[in-house]
């Protein structure tokens, strides 16, 4: 897998999210300030609810924009099999014969990208799996909880 191409694809995905969230926040803000949403009595909260929603959407857009900035600054470093897992690592974890692909990123945990015919999930060092992976090496065993059951998984590749 070409890591630079993967990072570019993650950036395109996150940039599209920023654009979508920004447009939603602007539309909701316009609705909140529209003359037709002016309160008709003390129980009419349409405008207030729309302003709360617009604020929340603008905060989400700011978070996504921060993720874009941090991913842009992330170098596409290649890891050697002896290197410990850290930010920027592309990790393959095999649990019961099912390989899963994770990219350790600074933000945007849970983002999934289809890349080279595989689903790659972005995880952060703060996530439960990220905490277990940080500092580990290719060949190390992890203790995972899958479906409420404890299971072992092996780190089969760090790139």
N, C-alpha and C. Protein backbone atom coordinates (compact mmCIF):
# COMPACT_ATOMS: atom_id res chain seq x y z
N UNK A 1 0.84 -1.19 0.00
CA UNK A 1 0.00 0.00 0.00
C UNK A 1 0.88 1.25 0.00
N UNK A 2 0.52 2.19 -0.83
CA UNK A 2 1.22 3.47 -0.86
C UNK A 2 0.60 4.38 0.20
N UNK A 3 1.37 4.66 1.23
CA UNK A 3 0.85 5.43 2.37
C UNK A 3 0.50 6.86 1.98
N UNK A 4 1.27 7.49 1.08
CA UNK A 4 0.98 8.86 0.66
C UNK A 4 -0.39 8.91 -0.01
N UNK A 5 -0.68 7.90 -0.84
CA UNK A 5 -1.98 7.84 -1.51
C UNK A 5 -3.10 7.64 -0.49
N UNK A 6 -2.85 6.79 0.51
CA UNK A 6 -3.83 6.58 1.58
C UNK A 6 -4.09 7.89 2.33
N UNK A 7 -3.02 8.59 2.70
CA UNK A 7 -3.20 9.87 3.40
C UNK A 7 -3.97 10.86 2.55
N UNK A 8 -3.67 10.91 1.25
CA UNK A 8 -4.40 11.82 0.35
C UNK A 8 -5.88 11.47 0.30
N UNK A 9 -6.18 10.18 0.30
CA UNK A 9 -7.58 9.76 0.27
C UNK A 9 -8.29 10.12 1.59
N UNK A 10 -7.60 9.94 2.70
CA UNK A 10 -8.18 10.34 4.00
C UNK A 10 -8.43 11.85 3.99
N UNK A 11 -7.47 12.61 3.49
CA UNK A 11 -7.63 14.07 3.42
C UNK A 11 -8.82 14.47 2.54
N UNK A 12 -8.98 13.82 1.40
CA UNK A 12 -10.13 14.13 0.53
C UNK A 12 -11.44 13.85 1.26
N UNK A 13 -11.49 12.71 1.95
CA UNK A 13 -12.69 12.33 2.70
C UNK A 13 -13.00 13.37 3.79
N UNK A 14 -11.98 13.73 4.57
CA UNK A 14 -12.18 14.69 5.66
C UNK A 14 -12.51 16.08 5.13
N UNK A 15 -11.89 16.48 4.03
CA UNK A 15 -12.19 17.79 3.43
C UNK A 15 -13.63 17.85 2.95
N UNK A 16 -14.12 16.75 2.38
CA UNK A 16 -15.52 16.69 1.96
C UNK A 16 -16.45 16.81 3.17
N UNK A 17 -16.07 16.18 4.29
CA UNK A 17 -16.86 16.30 5.52
C UNK A 17 -16.89 17.75 6.01
N UNK A 18 -15.74 18.43 5.96
CA UNK A 18 -15.68 19.82 6.39
C UNK A 18 -16.63 20.66 5.54
N UNK A 19 -16.58 20.46 4.24
CA UNK A 19 -17.44 21.22 3.32
C UNK A 19 -18.91 20.97 3.63
N UNK A 20 -19.26 19.69 3.80
CA UNK A 20 -20.65 19.33 4.07
C UNK A 20 -21.13 19.92 5.41
N UNK A 21 -20.29 19.81 6.44
CA UNK A 21 -20.66 20.33 7.76
C UNK A 21 -20.77 21.85 7.74
N UNK A 22 -19.87 22.50 7.03
CA UNK A 22 -19.92 23.96 6.94
C UNK A 22 -21.19 24.41 6.24
N UNK A 23 -21.54 23.76 5.14
CA UNK A 23 -22.77 24.11 4.42
C UNK A 23 -24.00 23.88 5.29
N UNK A 24 -24.01 22.78 6.04
CA UNK A 24 -25.14 22.50 6.93
C UNK A 24 -25.24 23.56 8.02
N UNK A 25 -24.11 23.96 8.59
CA UNK A 25 -24.12 24.99 9.64
C UNK A 25 -24.61 26.31 9.09
N UNK A 26 -24.18 26.68 7.89
CA UNK A 26 -24.62 27.94 7.28
C UNK A 26 -26.12 27.92 6.99
N UNK A 27 -26.61 26.78 6.49
CA UNK A 27 -28.05 26.67 6.20
C UNK A 27 -28.87 26.74 7.48
N UNK A 28 -28.40 26.08 8.52
CA UNK A 28 -29.13 26.09 9.80
C UNK A 28 -29.08 27.48 10.42
N UNK A 29 -27.93 28.15 10.28
CA UNK A 29 -27.83 29.52 10.80
C UNK A 29 -28.80 30.44 10.07
N UNK A 30 -28.90 30.28 8.76
CA UNK A 30 -29.85 31.09 7.99
C UNK A 30 -31.28 30.82 8.44
N UNK A 31 -31.58 29.56 8.73
CA UNK A 31 -32.91 29.22 9.22
C UNK A 31 -33.16 29.83 10.59
N UNK A 32 -32.16 29.80 11.45
CA UNK A 32 -32.32 30.33 12.81
C UNK A 32 -32.57 31.83 12.80
N UNK A 33 -31.98 32.52 11.85
CA UNK A 33 -32.12 33.98 11.82
C UNK A 33 -33.20 34.45 10.84
N UNK A 34 -33.90 33.52 10.20
CA UNK A 34 -34.95 33.87 9.25
C UNK A 34 -36.12 34.52 9.98
N UNK A 35 -36.71 35.49 9.37
CA UNK A 35 -37.83 36.24 9.96
C UNK A 35 -39.01 35.31 10.30
N UNK A 36 -39.20 34.27 9.49
CA UNK A 36 -40.32 33.36 9.73
C UNK A 36 -40.14 32.52 10.98
N UNK A 37 -38.92 32.42 11.49
CA UNK A 37 -38.67 31.63 12.70
C UNK A 37 -38.64 32.49 13.96
N UNK A 38 -39.06 33.73 13.83
CA UNK A 38 -39.14 34.59 15.00
C UNK A 38 -40.22 34.04 15.93
N UNK A 39 -39.92 34.01 17.21
CA UNK A 39 -40.85 33.44 18.19
C UNK A 39 -42.17 34.21 18.19
N UNK A 40 -43.27 33.44 18.13
CA UNK A 40 -44.60 34.06 18.15
C UNK A 40 -45.12 34.19 19.57
N UNK A 41 -44.63 33.36 20.46
CA UNK A 41 -44.96 33.48 21.88
C UNK A 41 -43.83 32.84 22.69
N UNK A 42 -43.96 32.83 24.00
CA UNK A 42 -42.85 32.35 24.84
C UNK A 42 -42.61 30.84 24.71
N UNK A 43 -43.54 30.11 24.13
CA UNK A 43 -43.38 28.67 23.97
C UNK A 43 -42.82 28.28 22.59
N UNK A 44 -42.69 29.23 21.72
CA UNK A 44 -42.19 28.99 20.37
C UNK A 44 -40.66 29.05 20.39
N UNK A 45 -40.03 27.90 20.27
CA UNK A 45 -38.57 27.83 20.40
C UNK A 45 -37.88 27.39 19.10
N UNK A 46 -38.58 27.47 17.97
CA UNK A 46 -37.98 27.01 16.71
C UNK A 46 -36.67 27.73 16.41
N UNK A 47 -36.67 29.04 16.51
CA UNK A 47 -35.45 29.80 16.21
C UNK A 47 -34.32 29.48 17.17
N UNK A 48 -34.64 29.34 18.45
CA UNK A 48 -33.64 29.02 19.47
C UNK A 48 -33.05 27.63 19.22
N UNK A 49 -33.91 26.66 18.91
CA UNK A 49 -33.43 25.31 18.62
C UNK A 49 -32.54 25.29 17.39
N UNK A 50 -32.92 26.04 16.37
CA UNK A 50 -32.11 26.10 15.15
C UNK A 50 -30.76 26.75 15.44
N UNK A 51 -30.72 27.75 16.32
CA UNK A 51 -29.44 28.39 16.64
C UNK A 51 -28.53 27.43 17.42
N UNK A 52 -29.10 26.63 18.32
CA UNK A 52 -28.31 25.62 19.03
C UNK A 52 -27.74 24.59 18.04
N UNK A 53 -28.58 24.17 17.12
CA UNK A 53 -28.15 23.20 16.11
C UNK A 53 -27.04 23.80 15.24
N UNK A 54 -27.20 25.04 14.82
CA UNK A 54 -26.18 25.70 14.00
C UNK A 54 -24.85 25.80 14.75
N UNK A 55 -24.93 26.10 16.04
CA UNK A 55 -23.70 26.18 16.85
C UNK A 55 -23.01 24.82 16.92
N UNK A 56 -23.79 23.77 17.17
CA UNK A 56 -23.22 22.43 17.22
C UNK A 56 -22.61 22.02 15.89
N UNK A 57 -23.28 22.35 14.81
CA UNK A 57 -22.76 22.01 13.48
C UNK A 57 -21.47 22.78 13.18
N UNK A 58 -21.40 24.03 13.60
CA UNK A 58 -20.18 24.80 13.34
C UNK A 58 -19.01 24.25 14.18
N UNK A 59 -19.29 23.78 15.39
CA UNK A 59 -18.24 23.15 16.21
C UNK A 59 -17.75 21.86 15.54
N UNK A 60 -18.67 21.07 15.01
CA UNK A 60 -18.29 19.83 14.32
C UNK A 60 -17.44 20.15 13.09
N UNK A 61 -17.80 21.21 12.37
CA UNK A 61 -17.01 21.62 11.20
C UNK A 61 -15.61 22.07 11.61
N UNK A 62 -15.51 22.77 12.75
CA UNK A 62 -14.20 23.19 13.25
C UNK A 62 -13.34 21.98 13.61
N UNK A 63 -13.93 20.97 14.25
CA UNK A 63 -13.20 19.75 14.60
C UNK A 63 -12.70 19.04 13.34
N UNK A 64 -13.56 18.96 12.34
CA UNK A 64 -13.17 18.30 11.09
C UNK A 64 -12.06 19.08 10.39
N UNK A 65 -12.13 20.41 10.43
CA UNK A 65 -11.09 21.24 9.83
C UNK A 65 -9.76 21.06 10.57
N UNK A 66 -9.82 20.91 11.87
CA UNK A 66 -8.61 20.65 12.66
C UNK A 66 -8.01 19.29 12.28
N UNK A 67 -8.86 18.30 12.06
CA UNK A 67 -8.39 16.98 11.63
C UNK A 67 -7.69 17.09 10.28
N UNK A 68 -8.26 17.85 9.36
CA UNK A 68 -7.63 18.04 8.04
C UNK A 68 -6.24 18.65 8.20
N UNK A 69 -6.14 19.69 9.02
CA UNK A 69 -4.85 20.35 9.23
C UNK A 69 -3.83 19.39 9.82
N UNK A 70 -4.24 18.59 10.78
CA UNK A 70 -3.30 17.66 11.41
C UNK A 70 -2.89 16.53 10.47
N UNK A 71 -3.81 16.06 9.64
CA UNK A 71 -3.44 15.03 8.67
C UNK A 71 -2.52 15.60 7.59
N UNK A 72 -2.73 16.86 7.20
CA UNK A 72 -1.83 17.48 6.22
C UNK A 72 -0.40 17.56 6.75
N UNK A 73 -0.25 17.78 8.04
CA UNK A 73 1.07 17.91 8.66
C UNK A 73 1.73 16.56 8.94
N UNK A 74 0.97 15.48 8.83
CA UNK A 74 1.48 14.15 9.16
C UNK A 74 2.35 13.62 8.02
N UNK A 75 3.60 13.28 8.31
CA UNK A 75 4.46 12.74 7.24
C UNK A 75 4.05 11.31 6.89
N UNK A 76 4.25 10.95 5.62
CA UNK A 76 3.94 9.60 5.14
C UNK A 76 5.16 8.71 5.37
N UNK A 77 5.46 8.49 6.63
CA UNK A 77 6.65 7.74 7.03
C UNK A 77 6.43 6.24 6.86
N UNK A 78 7.43 5.56 6.32
CA UNK A 78 7.38 4.10 6.24
C UNK A 78 8.00 3.51 7.50
N UNK A 79 7.31 2.57 8.10
CA UNK A 79 7.78 1.92 9.31
C UNK A 79 8.51 0.62 8.95
N UNK A 80 9.57 0.34 9.65
CA UNK A 80 10.27 -0.94 9.52
C UNK A 80 9.61 -1.93 10.46
N UNK A 81 9.73 -3.23 10.21
CA UNK A 81 9.12 -4.22 11.11
C UNK A 81 9.59 -4.10 12.56
N UNK A 82 10.77 -3.52 12.77
CA UNK A 82 11.29 -3.38 14.13
C UNK A 82 10.87 -2.08 14.80
N UNK A 83 10.24 -1.17 14.04
CA UNK A 83 9.82 0.12 14.60
C UNK A 83 8.58 -0.07 15.48
N UNK A 84 8.50 0.64 16.60
CA UNK A 84 7.28 0.58 17.41
C UNK A 84 6.14 1.33 16.71
N UNK A 85 4.94 0.89 16.96
CA UNK A 85 3.77 1.55 16.38
C UNK A 85 3.61 2.93 17.02
N UNK A 86 3.42 3.92 16.16
CA UNK A 86 3.18 5.28 16.61
C UNK A 86 2.31 5.98 15.57
N UNK A 87 2.09 7.28 15.75
CA UNK A 87 1.28 8.06 14.83
C UNK A 87 1.79 7.90 13.41
N UNK A 88 0.89 7.63 12.49
CA UNK A 88 1.25 7.47 11.09
C UNK A 88 1.46 6.03 10.66
N UNK A 89 1.33 5.09 11.59
CA UNK A 89 1.53 3.68 11.25
C UNK A 89 0.27 3.10 10.61
N UNK A 90 0.49 2.27 9.61
CA UNK A 90 -0.57 1.48 9.01
C UNK A 90 -0.38 0.06 9.55
N UNK A 91 -1.37 -0.42 10.30
CA UNK A 91 -1.22 -1.66 11.06
C UNK A 91 -2.23 -2.69 10.59
N UNK A 92 -1.73 -3.91 10.38
CA UNK A 92 -2.62 -5.03 10.08
C UNK A 92 -2.69 -5.91 11.32
N UNK A 93 -3.92 -6.15 11.78
CA UNK A 93 -4.16 -6.98 12.97
C UNK A 93 -4.99 -8.17 12.51
N UNK A 94 -4.54 -9.35 12.87
CA UNK A 94 -5.24 -10.57 12.49
C UNK A 94 -5.88 -11.18 13.72
N UNK A 95 -7.20 -11.22 13.72
CA UNK A 95 -7.96 -11.83 14.81
C UNK A 95 -8.71 -13.03 14.23
N UNK A 96 -8.32 -14.22 14.64
CA UNK A 96 -8.99 -15.46 14.20
C UNK A 96 -9.02 -15.61 12.68
N UNK A 97 -7.94 -15.23 12.03
CA UNK A 97 -7.85 -15.38 10.58
C UNK A 97 -8.51 -14.27 9.79
N UNK A 98 -8.99 -13.24 10.48
CA UNK A 98 -9.63 -12.11 9.81
C UNK A 98 -8.74 -10.88 9.94
N UNK A 99 -8.04 -10.51 8.87
CA UNK A 99 -7.18 -9.33 8.98
C UNK A 99 -8.01 -8.04 8.98
N UNK A 100 -7.58 -7.10 9.79
CA UNK A 100 -8.20 -5.77 9.84
C UNK A 100 -7.07 -4.75 9.69
N UNK A 101 -7.39 -3.64 9.03
CA UNK A 101 -6.38 -2.64 8.70
C UNK A 101 -6.71 -1.33 9.40
N UNK A 102 -5.71 -0.80 10.12
CA UNK A 102 -5.89 0.42 10.90
C UNK A 102 -4.78 1.41 10.57
N UNK A 103 -5.18 2.67 10.47
CA UNK A 103 -4.20 3.74 10.33
C UNK A 103 -4.25 4.57 11.60
N UNK A 104 -3.12 4.72 12.27
CA UNK A 104 -3.06 5.48 13.52
C UNK A 104 -2.92 6.95 13.15
N UNK A 105 -4.00 7.70 13.34
CA UNK A 105 -4.02 9.11 12.98
C UNK A 105 -4.18 10.01 14.19
N UNK A 106 -3.97 11.31 13.99
CA UNK A 106 -4.07 12.26 15.10
C UNK A 106 -5.51 12.56 15.53
N UNK A 107 -6.46 12.40 14.62
CA UNK A 107 -7.88 12.70 14.87
C UNK A 107 -8.72 11.85 13.92
N UNK A 108 -10.01 12.09 13.95
CA UNK A 108 -10.97 11.47 13.02
C UNK A 108 -11.07 9.96 13.20
N UNK A 109 -10.94 9.49 14.43
CA UNK A 109 -11.09 8.07 14.71
C UNK A 109 -12.45 7.57 14.26
N UNK A 110 -12.46 6.38 13.70
CA UNK A 110 -13.70 5.78 13.20
C UNK A 110 -13.93 6.03 11.72
N UNK A 111 -13.17 6.93 11.12
CA UNK A 111 -13.29 7.18 9.69
C UNK A 111 -12.83 5.94 8.94
N UNK A 112 -13.64 5.50 8.00
CA UNK A 112 -13.28 4.33 7.21
C UNK A 112 -13.07 4.74 5.76
N UNK A 113 -11.99 4.20 5.18
CA UNK A 113 -11.62 4.50 3.81
C UNK A 113 -11.47 3.18 3.06
N UNK A 114 -12.05 3.09 1.88
CA UNK A 114 -11.82 1.94 1.00
C UNK A 114 -10.54 2.23 0.24
N UNK A 115 -9.55 1.36 0.41
CA UNK A 115 -8.24 1.60 -0.18
C UNK A 115 -7.62 0.28 -0.62
N UNK A 116 -7.26 0.20 -1.88
CA UNK A 116 -6.67 -1.03 -2.44
C UNK A 116 -7.54 -2.25 -2.17
N UNK A 117 -8.84 -2.09 -2.26
CA UNK A 117 -9.74 -3.21 -2.05
C UNK A 117 -9.93 -3.62 -0.61
N UNK A 118 -9.44 -2.78 0.32
CA UNK A 118 -9.56 -3.08 1.76
C UNK A 118 -10.19 -1.89 2.46
N UNK A 119 -10.84 -2.18 3.56
CA UNK A 119 -11.34 -1.11 4.42
C UNK A 119 -10.27 -0.80 5.45
N UNK A 120 -9.85 0.46 5.48
CA UNK A 120 -8.85 0.92 6.46
C UNK A 120 -9.57 1.87 7.40
N UNK A 121 -9.51 1.58 8.70
CA UNK A 121 -10.14 2.43 9.70
C UNK A 121 -9.09 3.29 10.38
N UNK A 122 -9.40 4.58 10.50
CA UNK A 122 -8.53 5.48 11.24
C UNK A 122 -8.83 5.30 12.72
N UNK A 123 -7.77 5.09 13.50
CA UNK A 123 -7.91 5.04 14.96
C UNK A 123 -6.94 6.07 15.54
N UNK A 124 -7.22 6.51 16.73
CA UNK A 124 -6.35 7.47 17.41
C UNK A 124 -5.62 6.77 18.55
N UNK A 125 -4.50 7.33 18.97
CA UNK A 125 -3.79 6.74 20.11
C UNK A 125 -4.62 6.74 21.40
N UNK A 126 -5.66 7.57 21.46
CA UNK A 126 -6.49 7.65 22.66
C UNK A 126 -7.59 6.60 22.70
N UNK A 127 -7.87 5.96 21.57
CA UNK A 127 -8.92 4.94 21.53
C UNK A 127 -8.45 3.68 22.26
N UNK A 128 -9.37 2.82 22.67
CA UNK A 128 -8.95 1.59 23.36
C UNK A 128 -7.97 0.75 22.53
N UNK A 129 -8.26 0.55 21.25
CA UNK A 129 -7.34 -0.22 20.41
C UNK A 129 -6.05 0.55 20.19
N UNK A 130 -6.15 1.84 19.98
CA UNK A 130 -4.96 2.67 19.79
C UNK A 130 -4.02 2.60 20.99
N UNK A 131 -4.59 2.65 22.19
CA UNK A 131 -3.76 2.55 23.41
C UNK A 131 -3.02 1.22 23.45
N UNK A 132 -3.70 0.15 23.04
CA UNK A 132 -3.04 -1.17 23.04
C UNK A 132 -1.95 -1.26 21.98
N UNK A 133 -2.16 -0.63 20.84
CA UNK A 133 -1.21 -0.74 19.74
C UNK A 133 0.04 0.12 19.93
N UNK A 134 -0.11 1.28 20.56
CA UNK A 134 1.02 2.21 20.66
C UNK A 134 2.22 1.54 21.33
N UNK A 135 3.35 1.62 20.65
CA UNK A 135 4.59 1.06 21.19
C UNK A 135 4.79 -0.41 20.90
N UNK A 136 3.75 -1.10 20.40
CA UNK A 136 3.88 -2.53 20.07
C UNK A 136 4.63 -2.67 18.75
N UNK A 137 4.98 -3.91 18.42
CA UNK A 137 5.74 -4.22 17.22
C UNK A 137 5.04 -5.30 16.41
N UNK A 138 5.47 -5.43 15.17
CA UNK A 138 5.00 -6.52 14.33
C UNK A 138 5.27 -7.85 15.03
N UNK A 139 4.26 -8.72 15.07
CA UNK A 139 4.40 -10.02 15.73
C UNK A 139 3.85 -10.05 17.14
N UNK A 140 3.65 -8.89 17.76
CA UNK A 140 3.12 -8.86 19.13
C UNK A 140 1.66 -9.33 19.15
N UNK A 141 1.26 -9.83 20.31
CA UNK A 141 -0.11 -10.31 20.53
C UNK A 141 -0.87 -9.27 21.33
N UNK A 142 -2.13 -9.05 20.93
CA UNK A 142 -3.03 -8.13 21.64
C UNK A 142 -4.15 -8.95 22.29
N UNK A 143 -4.69 -8.43 23.38
CA UNK A 143 -5.86 -9.00 24.02
C UNK A 143 -7.04 -8.10 23.68
N UNK A 144 -7.94 -8.59 22.85
CA UNK A 144 -9.09 -7.80 22.42
C UNK A 144 -10.37 -8.35 23.02
N UNK A 145 -11.35 -7.48 23.13
CA UNK A 145 -12.68 -7.92 23.53
C UNK A 145 -13.58 -7.74 22.32
N UNK A 146 -14.02 -8.86 21.76
CA UNK A 146 -14.85 -8.84 20.56
C UNK A 146 -16.18 -9.49 20.90
N UNK A 147 -17.25 -8.72 20.78
CA UNK A 147 -18.57 -9.27 21.09
C UNK A 147 -18.71 -9.72 22.53
N UNK A 148 -18.02 -9.04 23.44
CA UNK A 148 -18.09 -9.38 24.84
C UNK A 148 -17.19 -10.54 25.25
N UNK A 149 -16.46 -11.10 24.29
CA UNK A 149 -15.56 -12.21 24.58
C UNK A 149 -14.11 -11.76 24.39
N UNK A 150 -13.26 -12.22 25.28
CA UNK A 150 -11.82 -11.93 25.16
C UNK A 150 -11.26 -12.79 24.03
N UNK A 151 -10.38 -12.16 23.25
CA UNK A 151 -9.79 -12.84 22.12
C UNK A 151 -8.38 -12.33 21.90
N UNK A 152 -7.55 -13.18 21.33
CA UNK A 152 -6.19 -12.76 21.01
C UNK A 152 -6.13 -12.38 19.54
N UNK A 153 -5.30 -11.39 19.26
CA UNK A 153 -5.05 -10.98 17.89
C UNK A 153 -3.56 -10.70 17.75
N UNK A 154 -3.04 -10.91 16.56
CA UNK A 154 -1.62 -10.72 16.31
C UNK A 154 -1.44 -9.54 15.36
N UNK A 155 -0.44 -8.72 15.65
CA UNK A 155 -0.07 -7.64 14.75
C UNK A 155 0.79 -8.29 13.67
N UNK A 156 0.26 -8.37 12.46
CA UNK A 156 0.96 -9.09 11.39
C UNK A 156 1.78 -8.17 10.50
N UNK A 157 1.48 -6.87 10.51
CA UNK A 157 2.26 -5.95 9.67
C UNK A 157 2.16 -4.54 10.22
N UNK A 158 3.28 -3.85 10.19
CA UNK A 158 3.36 -2.42 10.51
C UNK A 158 4.07 -1.75 9.35
N UNK A 159 3.39 -0.83 8.71
CA UNK A 159 3.98 -0.15 7.55
C UNK A 159 3.93 1.36 7.73
